[in-house]
Amino acid sequence: MTDMTLPNRTTVLIVGAGPSGLVAALSLIHHGFKDFVVVDAVEQGENTSRALVVHAATLEALDTIGCGDDIVAKGTKVRKINIGNRSSRLVSTDLSSLDKYTHHPYALVIPQNLTEFILGEKVKHYGVTVHRPCKVTSLKRNDNDDQLTDVTFESGKIITAKYVVGADGARSVVRRMAGIGFVDPKTGEEGDRVTNLTQMVLADVVYEGKDHDFGFIVTVSPEGFFLSMPMPQSFNELLAMNGQIVEGQIYRIGSGVPLADGEIPRSPNKEYLQNLIDRFGPTILASDASVNPNSTSVRIKDILWSTRFRTHSAIADRFFTRLSGDQLEDAAVAPGVPSTTSRHGGIILLIGDAAHIHSPAGGQGMNLGIRDAVFLGEAISKHINASALQPSTADTDNILREFAEVRHKRALEVIAFTKTLLAVAGAQDKKVSWMLPISVTTVRDWMMWLGGKFGFMQARMAWAMSGLGRR
């Protein structure tokens, strides 16, 4: 739909119709609120898989708004993740140990475009339209009511809203137009350390020959990092709906690329990806028959999608602010960011990648954004009800302030967690010290192997990955 169908006014304007934006809409509906509009800058949703894992804490949050079952039904439940070097297993993380704490003691493998499709269908079921393409170009305080924001689109159309939710990704226009900073939170060092995962490749591939059953494999080595996981059959079905017939098991692969290799091609081809598998993947995936213990070597047949990226982290200075004239006066800010006391201006809220980004280590990004959105719906509904009873913003804004502070804290925790995973998985092959002439990667592998011998260590790893301790 074009933006000609947009209303002139709405209480809540959700900018961005990815998982976070769609879940924010569903959360508002769950809490009995329907005066909102959802817009997105692109003509249609993304058609690539991207984020691939939904963890227990996210499924628990989706259950609270009646959306968990639909997603679980289309995904693959992974209860064990095998981590090893190229030739042998070091540790197996058993997610079944989470059964004491959750109804979802597993990691759910489901591509992001399928998650978006399911959420989009759910939104349609409630009669909600995602208006596309609608690109925001400016935010301005309304001339007649300083509690409202005028949002202008590329077409010249203006919507006046009380709440503007930025769910428009890492390059958020809402965040930028609101003048909110977005920087890497340093964690004891000046910047992130250089690792074997400083630059990475992700791809969806099909191997030659009959269907293989390699399971969920993570491989660490002195030179690199590699992962391979089978995609659910529902992904093949989604592709078929869009006219792309894929026969055979689709696998997501990911690999670090040493900086010494130079810049990664924009869309890595078959030869490039096969080289990474042969260098950093488990030997069972190698195309060299002299290395691969199988009777026949394994080679990539088709590439469905491939991409490159550099790992980095950033977090918005504030997740909740009020827009007042040409200046921002915040209601909840990051530690160390000056706060003002103004209660004027329309409300700006950030969720998902618009609020925080980090490396894909542990598959935490989309999960955190979805949880932001679930709790945002509740916070906005409470704020609307409280505002109806108490016109003063001084007290009612505490509701949004508390939401913003909690989500900011959770984002910092996840960023720190992913940086730790990145440092461990991407450790470079250097000596621990001149006094201890053992490589860092050797010590890492020993520690992983030893930790895998103790059930409580496996349980701690499963708990950390699940997000249940930082919902």
Protein backbone atom coordinates (compact mmCIF):
# COMPACT_ATOMS: atom_id res chain seq x y z
CA MET A 1 0.00 0.00 0.00
CA THR A 2 1.15 3.53 -0.66
CA ASP A 3 1.30 6.22 2.00
CA MET A 4 -1.80 7.87 0.44
CA THR A 5 -3.78 5.55 2.70
CA LEU A 6 -2.12 6.89 5.84
CA PRO A 7 -4.31 8.66 8.40
CA ASN A 8 -3.45 12.19 9.50
CA ARG A 9 -3.29 11.27 13.18
CA THR A 10 -2.61 8.24 15.35
CA THR A 11 -1.73 7.65 18.97
CA VAL A 12 1.21 5.32 18.22
CA LEU A 13 3.28 5.32 15.05
CA ILE A 14 5.53 2.26 14.66
CA VAL A 15 8.32 2.93 12.16
CA GLY A 16 9.69 -0.37 10.88
CA ALA A 17 7.94 -3.67 10.17
CA GLY A 18 10.66 -6.16 10.97
CA PRO A 19 10.24 -8.61 13.87
CA SER A 20 10.49 -5.87 16.52
CA GLY A 21 7.95 -3.57 14.87
CA LEU A 22 5.47 -6.37 14.18
CA VAL A 23 5.75 -7.73 17.73
CA ALA A 24 5.25 -4.21 19.13
CA ALA A 25 1.98 -4.05 17.17
CA LEU A 26 0.91 -7.49 18.41
CA SER A 27 1.78 -6.57 21.98
CA LEU A 28 -0.35 -3.42 21.78
CA ILE A 29 -3.25 -5.48 20.41
CA HIS A 30 -2.82 -8.02 23.21
CA HIS A 31 -3.13 -5.21 25.75
CA GLY A 32 -6.34 -4.00 24.16
CA PHE A 33 -4.98 -1.05 22.21
CA LYS A 34 -5.51 -0.63 18.46
CA ASP A 35 -5.00 3.07 17.68
CA PHE A 36 -1.65 2.64 16.01
CA VAL A 37 -0.13 2.73 12.52
CA VAL A 38 2.74 0.60 11.21
CA VAL A 39 4.92 1.89 8.38
CA ASP A 40 8.04 0.62 6.63
CA ALA A 41 10.42 2.30 4.19
CA VAL A 42 10.68 -0.59 1.73
CA GLU A 43 8.14 -1.95 -0.73
CA GLN A 44 8.19 -5.44 0.76
CA GLY A 45 9.75 -7.26 3.70
CA GLU A 46 13.21 -8.78 3.58
CA ASN A 47 13.45 -12.08 1.70
CA THR A 48 16.69 -13.33 3.26
CA SER A 49 17.09 -15.57 6.28
CA ARG A 50 19.49 -13.45 8.39
CA ALA A 51 18.85 -14.09 12.13
CA LEU A 52 18.19 -17.77 12.63
CA VAL A 53 17.73 -18.72 16.29
CA VAL A 54 14.93 -17.88 18.73
CA HIS A 55 15.87 -18.61 22.34
CA ALA A 56 13.77 -19.71 25.31
CA ALA A 57 13.42 -16.26 26.91
CA THR A 58 12.06 -14.85 23.64
CA LEU A 59 9.59 -17.69 23.19
CA GLU A 60 8.42 -17.18 26.78
CA ALA A 61 7.87 -13.47 26.03
CA LEU A 62 5.99 -14.25 22.81
CA ASP A 63 3.81 -16.71 24.73
CA THR A 64 2.59 -13.84 26.93
CA ILE A 65 1.04 -12.15 23.89
CA GLY A 66 -0.20 -15.35 22.24
CA CYS A 67 2.41 -15.56 19.45
CA GLY A 68 4.83 -18.26 20.55
CA ASP A 69 3.04 -21.37 19.29
CA ASP A 70 2.84 -20.21 15.66
CA ILE A 71 6.60 -19.69 15.49
CA VAL A 72 7.49 -22.90 17.34
CA ALA A 73 5.34 -24.88 14.91
CA LYS A 74 7.51 -23.82 11.96
CA GLY A 75 10.95 -24.13 13.55
CA THR A 76 13.33 -26.93 14.46
CA LYS A 77 14.00 -27.55 18.14
CA VAL A 78 17.72 -27.90 18.81
CA ARG A 79 18.56 -29.38 22.19
CA LYS A 80 22.29 -29.96 21.69
CA ILE A 81 24.97 -27.78 20.16
CA ASN A 82 28.26 -29.56 19.47
CA ILE A 83 31.38 -27.43 19.75
CA GLY A 84 34.71 -28.84 18.72
CA ASN A 85 37.92 -28.40 16.84
CA ARG A 86 38.21 -29.51 13.22
CA SER A 87 38.57 -33.20 14.00
CA SER A 88 36.85 -33.87 17.33
CA ARG A 89 34.17 -32.63 19.72
CA LEU A 90 35.23 -30.57 22.71
CA VAL A 91 31.91 -29.92 24.41
CA SER A 92 28.20 -30.45 23.81
CA THR A 93 25.80 -27.90 25.24
CA ASP A 94 22.64 -29.69 26.40
CA LEU A 95 19.78 -27.20 26.35
CA SER A 96 17.43 -29.81 27.81
CA SER A 97 18.79 -28.78 31.22
CA LEU A 98 16.55 -25.71 30.89
CA ASP A 99 13.41 -27.81 31.38
CA LYS A 100 13.35 -26.81 35.07
CA TYR A 101 12.90 -23.15 34.12
CA THR A 102 10.99 -22.96 30.85
CA HIS A 103 8.46 -24.64 28.57
CA HIS A 104 11.02 -24.17 25.80
CA PRO A 105 14.20 -26.07 26.78
CA TYR A 106 15.77 -25.70 23.34
CA ALA A 107 16.97 -23.22 20.75
CA LEU A 108 14.47 -22.83 17.92
CA VAL A 109 16.05 -22.66 14.47
CA ILE A 110 13.85 -20.61 12.16
CA PRO A 111 14.98 -18.06 9.52
CA GLN A 112 14.10 -14.44 10.17
CA ASN A 113 12.11 -14.02 6.97
CA LEU A 114 9.87 -16.90 8.04
CA THR A 115 9.51 -15.36 11.50
CA GLU A 116 8.53 -12.08 9.85
CA PHE A 117 6.05 -13.86 7.58
CA ILE A 118 4.36 -15.55 10.55
CA LEU A 119 4.18 -12.31 12.53
CA GLY A 120 2.95 -10.45 9.44
CA GLU A 121 0.15 -12.94 8.92
CA LYS A 122 -0.78 -12.60 12.59
CA VAL A 123 -0.95 -8.81 12.24
CA LYS A 124 -3.13 -9.15 9.11
CA HIS A 125 -5.45 -11.46 11.04
CA TYR A 126 -6.17 -8.55 13.38
CA GLY A 127 -6.92 -6.24 10.46
CA VAL A 128 -3.68 -4.27 10.67
CA THR A 129 -2.07 -2.97 7.46
CA VAL A 130 1.65 -2.34 7.12
CA HIS A 131 1.90 0.81 5.01
CA ARG A 132 4.70 0.60 2.40
CA PRO A 133 6.81 2.25 1.15
CA CYS A 134 6.77 5.07 3.71
CA LYS A 135 10.14 6.62 4.41
CA VAL A 136 10.39 9.03 7.34
CA THR A 137 12.30 12.23 6.56
CA SER A 138 11.75 14.41 9.63
CA LEU A 139 10.35 14.65 13.14
CA LYS A 140 9.03 17.94 14.49
CA ARG A 141 7.07 19.08 17.53
CA ASN A 142 3.44 19.81 16.66
CA ASP A 143 2.71 23.54 16.62
CA ASN A 144 -0.65 23.23 18.39
CA ASP A 145 0.14 20.56 21.00
CA ASP A 146 3.65 20.23 22.36
CA GLN A 147 2.91 16.66 23.51
CA LEU A 148 2.65 15.48 19.91
CA THR A 149 5.12 14.86 17.09
CA ASP A 150 4.61 15.59 13.40
CA VAL A 151 6.26 12.86 11.33
CA THR A 152 6.91 13.80 7.71
CA PHE A 153 7.39 11.19 4.98
CA GLU A 154 9.28 11.38 1.70
CA SER A 155 6.01 11.94 -0.15
CA GLY A 156 5.25 15.02 1.95
CA LYS A 157 2.55 13.23 3.95
CA ILE A 158 2.50 14.12 7.66
CA ILE A 159 1.20 11.98 10.52
CA THR A 160 0.76 13.48 13.97
CA ALA A 161 1.43 10.98 16.77
CA LYS A 162 1.74 10.97 20.53
CA TYR A 163 4.23 8.09 20.50
CA VAL A 164 6.77 7.40 17.76
CA VAL A 165 8.40 3.98 18.01
CA GLY A 166 11.69 3.61 16.16
CA ALA A 167 11.91 -0.04 15.11
CA ASP A 168 13.69 0.83 11.88
CA GLY A 169 16.98 -0.98 12.29
CA ALA A 170 20.62 -0.16 12.86
CA ARG A 171 20.50 2.85 10.50
CA SER A 172 17.37 4.14 12.25
CA VAL A 173 16.02 7.33 10.74
CA VAL A 174 13.94 7.93 13.87
CA ARG A 175 17.02 7.72 16.08
CA ARG A 176 19.03 9.98 13.80
CA MET A 177 16.26 12.57 13.38
CA ALA A 178 15.80 12.63 17.13
CA GLY A 179 19.51 13.35 17.56
CA ILE A 180 20.14 10.34 19.79
CA GLY A 181 23.74 9.12 19.99
CA PHE A 182 24.64 5.56 19.01
CA VAL A 183 28.09 4.39 20.07
CA ASP A 184 30.00 1.34 21.20
CA PRO A 185 29.82 0.86 24.97
CA LYS A 186 33.42 0.19 25.94
CA THR A 187 33.91 -2.77 28.23
CA GLY A 188 37.21 -2.16 29.97
CA GLU A 189 39.21 -1.69 26.76
CA GLU A 190 39.57 1.04 24.18
CA GLY A 191 37.38 -0.59 21.55
CA ASP A 192 36.84 -4.25 20.79
CA ARG A 193 39.87 -6.49 20.56
CA VAL A 194 40.81 -7.91 17.17
CA THR A 195 39.73 -11.56 16.85
CA ASN A 196 39.30 -14.20 14.18
CA LEU A 197 35.69 -12.96 13.99
CA THR A 198 36.40 -9.31 13.29
CA GLN A 199 34.97 -9.87 9.81
CA MET A 200 32.60 -12.68 8.93
CA VAL A 201 30.63 -14.38 6.18
CA LEU A 202 27.14 -15.86 6.45
CA ALA A 203 25.49 -17.97 3.75
CA ASP A 204 22.66 -20.41 3.09
CA VAL A 205 23.85 -23.33 0.99
CA VAL A 206 22.90 -26.77 -0.31
CA TYR A 207 25.54 -29.49 -0.57
CA GLU A 208 25.99 -31.84 -3.49
CA GLY A 209 24.72 -35.40 -3.33
CA LYS A 210 22.07 -36.89 -1.10
CA ASP A 211 20.78 -35.13 1.96
CA HIS A 212 23.36 -34.93 4.71
CA ASP A 213 22.75 -34.92 8.43
CA PHE A 214 25.53 -32.89 9.98
CA GLY A 215 23.50 -31.39 12.83
CA PHE A 216 24.33 -28.11 14.58
CA ILE A 217 28.13 -27.82 14.56
CA VAL A 218 30.41 -25.08 15.87
CA THR A 219 34.10 -25.45 15.04
CA VAL A 220 36.90 -23.44 16.63
CA SER A 221 40.52 -23.61 15.51
CA PRO A 222 43.71 -21.57 15.95
CA GLU A 223 43.07 -19.84 12.62
CA GLY A 224 39.33 -19.39 12.55
CA PHE A 225 35.75 -20.12 13.52
CA PHE A 226 33.04 -21.95 11.60
CA LEU A 227 29.42 -22.92 12.19
CA SER A 228 26.96 -25.04 10.27
CA MET A 229 23.34 -25.71 11.10
CA PRO A 230 20.49 -27.34 9.17
CA MET A 231 17.50 -25.14 8.35
CA PRO A 232 13.94 -26.35 8.95
CA GLN A 233 11.96 -27.78 6.03
CA SER A 234 9.53 -24.90 6.51
CA PHE A 235 12.23 -22.65 4.99
CA ASN A 236 12.09 -24.67 1.76
CA GLU A 237 8.31 -24.27 1.85
CA LEU A 238 8.55 -20.50 2.30
CA LEU A 239 10.95 -20.23 -0.63
CA ALA A 240 8.58 -22.35 -2.76
CA MET A 241 5.73 -19.94 -1.93
CA ASN A 242 7.91 -17.19 -3.39
CA GLY A 243 8.65 -19.21 -6.54
CA GLN A 244 12.06 -20.56 -5.55
CA ILE A 245 12.11 -24.37 -5.50
CA VAL A 246 15.02 -25.77 -3.51
CA GLU A 247 15.51 -29.52 -3.31
CA GLY A 248 17.56 -30.93 -0.47
CA GLN A 249 18.57 -29.79 2.99
CA ILE A 250 19.51 -26.12 3.31
CA TYR A 251 22.34 -25.30 5.70
CA ARG A 252 23.33 -21.99 7.25
CA ILE A 253 27.07 -21.63 7.40
CA GLY A 254 29.11 -18.89 9.00
CA SER A 255 32.83 -18.29 9.13
CA GLY A 256 35.32 -15.77 10.36
CA VAL A 257 37.67 -14.44 7.70
CA PRO A 258 41.22 -13.46 8.75
CA LEU A 259 42.00 -9.80 8.18
CA ALA A 260 45.11 -10.98 6.35
CA ASP A 261 42.80 -12.33 3.62
CA GLY A 262 41.77 -8.78 2.79
CA GLU A 263 38.25 -7.44 2.30
CA ILE A 264 35.49 -10.00 1.84
CA PRO A 265 33.65 -9.87 -1.53
CA ARG A 266 30.21 -8.27 -1.32
CA SER A 267 28.34 -11.53 -2.05
CA PRO A 268 30.85 -14.36 -1.60
CA ASN A 269 30.64 -16.98 -4.36
CA LYS A 270 30.80 -20.77 -4.24
CA GLU A 271 34.58 -20.99 -4.55
CA TYR A 272 35.13 -18.43 -1.81
CA LEU A 273 32.78 -20.19 0.60
CA GLN A 274 34.17 -23.64 -0.20
CA ASN A 275 37.65 -22.36 0.59
CA LEU A 276 36.48 -21.17 4.02
CA ILE A 277 34.89 -24.55 4.74
CA ASP A 278 38.05 -26.39 3.72
CA ARG A 279 40.22 -24.13 5.88
CA PHE A 280 38.11 -23.64 8.99
CA GLY A 281 35.22 -26.10 8.96
CA PRO A 282 35.12 -29.58 10.49
CA THR A 283 36.93 -32.19 8.43
CA ILE A 284 33.63 -33.98 7.71
CA LEU A 285 32.69 -30.98 5.51
CA ALA A 286 36.01 -30.69 3.70
CA SER A 287 35.99 -31.08 -0.09
CA ASP A 288 39.44 -32.70 0.01
CA ALA A 289 38.89 -36.47 0.09
CA SER A 290 42.34 -36.98 1.65
CA VAL A 291 41.22 -34.91 4.65
CA ASN A 292 37.56 -35.85 4.83
CA PRO A 293 37.07 -39.25 6.51
CA ASN A 294 33.87 -39.84 4.53
CA SER A 295 34.02 -41.97 1.40
CA THR A 296 33.19 -38.93 -0.74
CA SER A 297 34.05 -35.29 -0.26
CA VAL A 298 31.38 -32.71 0.47
CA ARG A 299 31.06 -29.69 -1.81
CA ILE A 300 28.65 -26.78 -2.07
CA LYS A 301 26.09 -27.26 -4.82
CA ASP A 302 24.07 -24.05 -4.60
CA ILE A 303 24.19 -20.75 -2.73
CA LEU A 304 20.81 -19.27 -1.85
CA TRP A 305 22.19 -16.19 -0.10
CA SER A 306 25.52 -14.92 1.15
CA THR A 307 26.68 -11.76 2.87
CA ARG A 308 29.62 -10.18 4.62
CA PHE A 309 29.89 -7.95 7.67
CA ARG A 310 32.21 -6.68 10.36
CA THR A 311 31.39 -7.37 13.98
CA HIS A 312 30.77 -4.30 16.10
CA SER A 313 28.52 -3.09 18.88
CA ALA A 314 26.58 0.10 19.58
CA ILE A 315 23.82 1.25 21.88
CA ALA A 316 21.57 4.32 21.82
CA ASP A 317 22.22 6.93 24.49
CA ARG A 318 18.58 6.70 25.47
CA PHE A 319 15.66 4.46 24.55
CA PHE A 320 13.00 7.01 25.61
CA THR A 321 13.05 10.74 25.00
CA ARG A 322 10.72 13.65 24.41
CA LEU A 323 11.07 15.80 21.31
CA SER A 324 10.82 19.49 22.12
CA GLY A 325 11.33 22.02 19.35
CA ASP A 326 14.83 21.59 17.96
CA GLN A 327 16.20 20.10 21.16
CA LEU A 328 15.80 16.75 22.85
CA GLU A 329 15.04 16.58 26.52
CA ASP A 330 15.36 13.04 27.75
CA ALA A 331 13.40 11.06 30.28
CA ALA A 332 15.69 8.03 30.49
CA VAL A 333 19.30 8.10 29.48
CA ALA A 334 22.42 6.02 29.52
CA PRO A 335 24.72 6.31 32.55
CA GLY A 336 26.82 9.44 32.29
CA VAL A 337 24.51 11.18 29.82
CA PRO A 338 23.15 14.45 31.25
CA SER A 339 19.45 14.45 32.02
CA THR A 340 17.02 17.37 31.90
CA THR A 341 13.69 17.82 33.62
CA SER A 342 11.50 18.96 30.73
CA ARG A 343 8.24 17.06 30.30
CA HIS A 344 7.29 18.61 26.96
CA GLY A 345 7.42 17.15 23.50
CA GLY A 346 6.16 14.04 21.78
CA ILE A 347 7.41 10.69 22.97
CA ILE A 348 10.15 8.87 21.05
CA LEU A 349 10.92 5.23 21.88
CA LEU A 350 13.57 2.93 20.37
CA ILE A 351 13.54 -0.87 20.19
CA GLY A 352 15.47 -3.60 18.40
CA ASP A 353 18.45 -2.72 16.23
CA ALA A 354 17.47 0.95 16.35
CA ALA A 355 18.36 0.80 20.05
CA HIS A 356 21.26 -1.68 20.11
CA ILE A 357 23.43 -3.79 17.84
CA HIS A 358 26.21 -6.28 18.51
CA SER A 359 27.94 -9.29 17.00
CA PRO A 360 25.80 -12.31 16.04
CA ALA A 361 27.67 -14.45 18.59
CA GLY A 362 25.13 -16.56 20.45
CA GLY A 363 22.26 -15.47 18.19
CA GLN A 364 21.05 -12.79 20.63
CA GLY A 365 20.20 -9.78 18.45
CA MET A 366 16.71 -10.42 17.09
CA ASN A 367 15.82 -12.08 20.39
CA LEU A 368 16.59 -8.97 22.39
CA GLY A 369 14.65 -6.80 19.95
CA ILE A 370 11.57 -9.01 20.14
CA ARG A 371 11.64 -8.92 23.93
CA ASP A 372 11.96 -5.12 23.79
CA ALA A 373 8.81 -5.05 21.67
CA VAL A 374 6.77 -7.38 23.89
CA PHE A 375 7.46 -5.24 26.97
CA LEU A 376 7.01 -1.99 25.03
CA GLY A 377 3.38 -2.80 24.27
CA GLU A 378 2.68 -3.21 27.96
CA ALA A 379 4.55 -0.02 28.88
CA ILE A 380 2.74 2.14 26.30
CA SER A 381 -0.65 0.73 27.32
CA LYS A 382 0.07 1.50 30.98
CA HIS A 383 1.25 4.98 30.08
CA ILE A 384 -1.88 5.70 28.03
CA ASN A 385 -4.15 4.55 30.86
CA ALA A 386 -2.19 6.47 33.47
CA SER A 387 -2.21 9.63 31.33
CA ALA A 388 -6.00 9.46 31.09
CA LEU A 389 -6.22 9.53 34.89
CA GLN A 390 -3.30 11.86 35.61
CA PRO A 391 -2.67 14.65 33.06
CA SER A 392 0.71 15.53 34.57
CA THR A 393 3.57 13.90 32.70
CA ALA A 394 5.89 14.09 35.71
CA ASP A 395 4.49 10.93 37.30
CA THR A 396 3.22 9.04 34.27
CA ASP A 397 6.56 9.24 32.48
CA ASN A 398 8.02 7.05 35.22
CA ILE A 399 6.34 4.13 33.44
CA LEU A 400 8.29 4.73 30.24
CA ARG A 401 11.41 5.71 32.13
CA GLU A 402 11.41 2.37 33.95
CA PHE A 403 10.86 0.49 30.68
CA ALA A 404 13.74 2.35 29.03
CA GLU A 405 16.13 1.86 31.93
CA VAL A 406 15.45 -1.89 32.13
CA ARG A 407 15.81 -2.40 28.36
CA HIS A 408 19.00 -0.31 28.28
CA LYS A 409 20.43 -2.44 31.08
CA ARG A 410 19.48 -5.66 29.28
CA ALA A 411 21.09 -4.42 26.08
CA LEU A 412 24.35 -3.63 27.89
CA GLU A 413 24.30 -7.12 29.42
CA VAL A 414 23.78 -8.77 26.04
CA ILE A 415 26.49 -6.66 24.39
CA ALA A 416 28.94 -7.65 27.13
CA PHE A 417 27.93 -11.31 26.74
CA THR A 418 28.40 -11.29 22.97
CA LYS A 419 31.77 -9.59 23.30
CA THR A 420 32.87 -12.34 25.67
CA LEU A 421 31.67 -15.03 23.26
CA LEU A 422 33.42 -13.26 20.42
CA ALA A 423 36.68 -13.11 22.36
CA VAL A 424 36.50 -16.83 23.23
CA ALA A 425 35.31 -18.20 19.88
CA GLY A 426 37.54 -15.92 17.85
CA ALA A 427 40.67 -16.15 19.99
CA GLN A 428 43.81 -15.78 17.91
CA ASP A 429 46.70 -18.22 18.10
CA LYS A 430 49.04 -16.26 20.38
CA LYS A 431 51.12 -17.26 23.38
CA VAL A 432 49.50 -16.67 26.76
CA SER A 433 52.71 -14.97 27.96
CA TRP A 434 56.45 -15.36 27.70
CA MET A 435 56.36 -17.21 31.03
CA LEU A 436 53.67 -19.60 29.79
CA PRO A 437 54.58 -20.60 26.21
CA ILE A 438 51.17 -22.14 25.46
CA SER A 439 48.84 -20.70 22.89
CA VAL A 440 45.63 -18.98 23.92
CA THR A 441 43.63 -21.28 21.65
CA THR A 442 45.12 -24.38 23.29
CA VAL A 443 44.11 -23.11 26.74
CA ARG A 444 40.64 -22.27 25.40
CA ASP A 445 40.18 -25.76 23.98
CA TRP A 446 41.35 -27.37 27.22
CA MET A 447 38.93 -25.26 29.24
CA MET A 448 36.04 -26.08 26.91
CA TRP A 449 36.86 -29.79 27.01
CA LEU A 450 37.13 -29.73 30.82
CA GLY A 451 33.94 -27.72 31.21
CA GLY A 452 32.09 -30.24 29.07
CA LYS A 453 32.87 -32.94 31.64
CA PHE A 454 30.78 -31.21 34.29
CA GLY A 455 27.00 -31.06 34.07
CA PHE A 456 26.77 -27.78 35.98
CA MET A 457 29.08 -26.09 33.46
CA GLN A 458 26.91 -27.24 30.58
CA ALA A 459 23.84 -26.02 32.43
CA ARG A 460 25.42 -22.60 32.98
CA MET A 461 26.25 -22.34 29.30
CA ALA A 462 22.71 -23.29 28.34
CA TRP A 463 21.28 -20.73 30.80
CA ALA A 464 23.48 -17.96 29.42
CA MET A 465 22.51 -18.71 25.82
CA SER A 466 18.78 -18.94 26.61
CA GLY A 467 18.46 -15.34 27.80
CA LEU A 468 16.25 -16.43 30.69
CA GLY A 469 18.42 -14.51 33.14
CA ARG A 470 18.11 -11.23 31.21
CA ARG A 471 14.63 -11.07 29.73
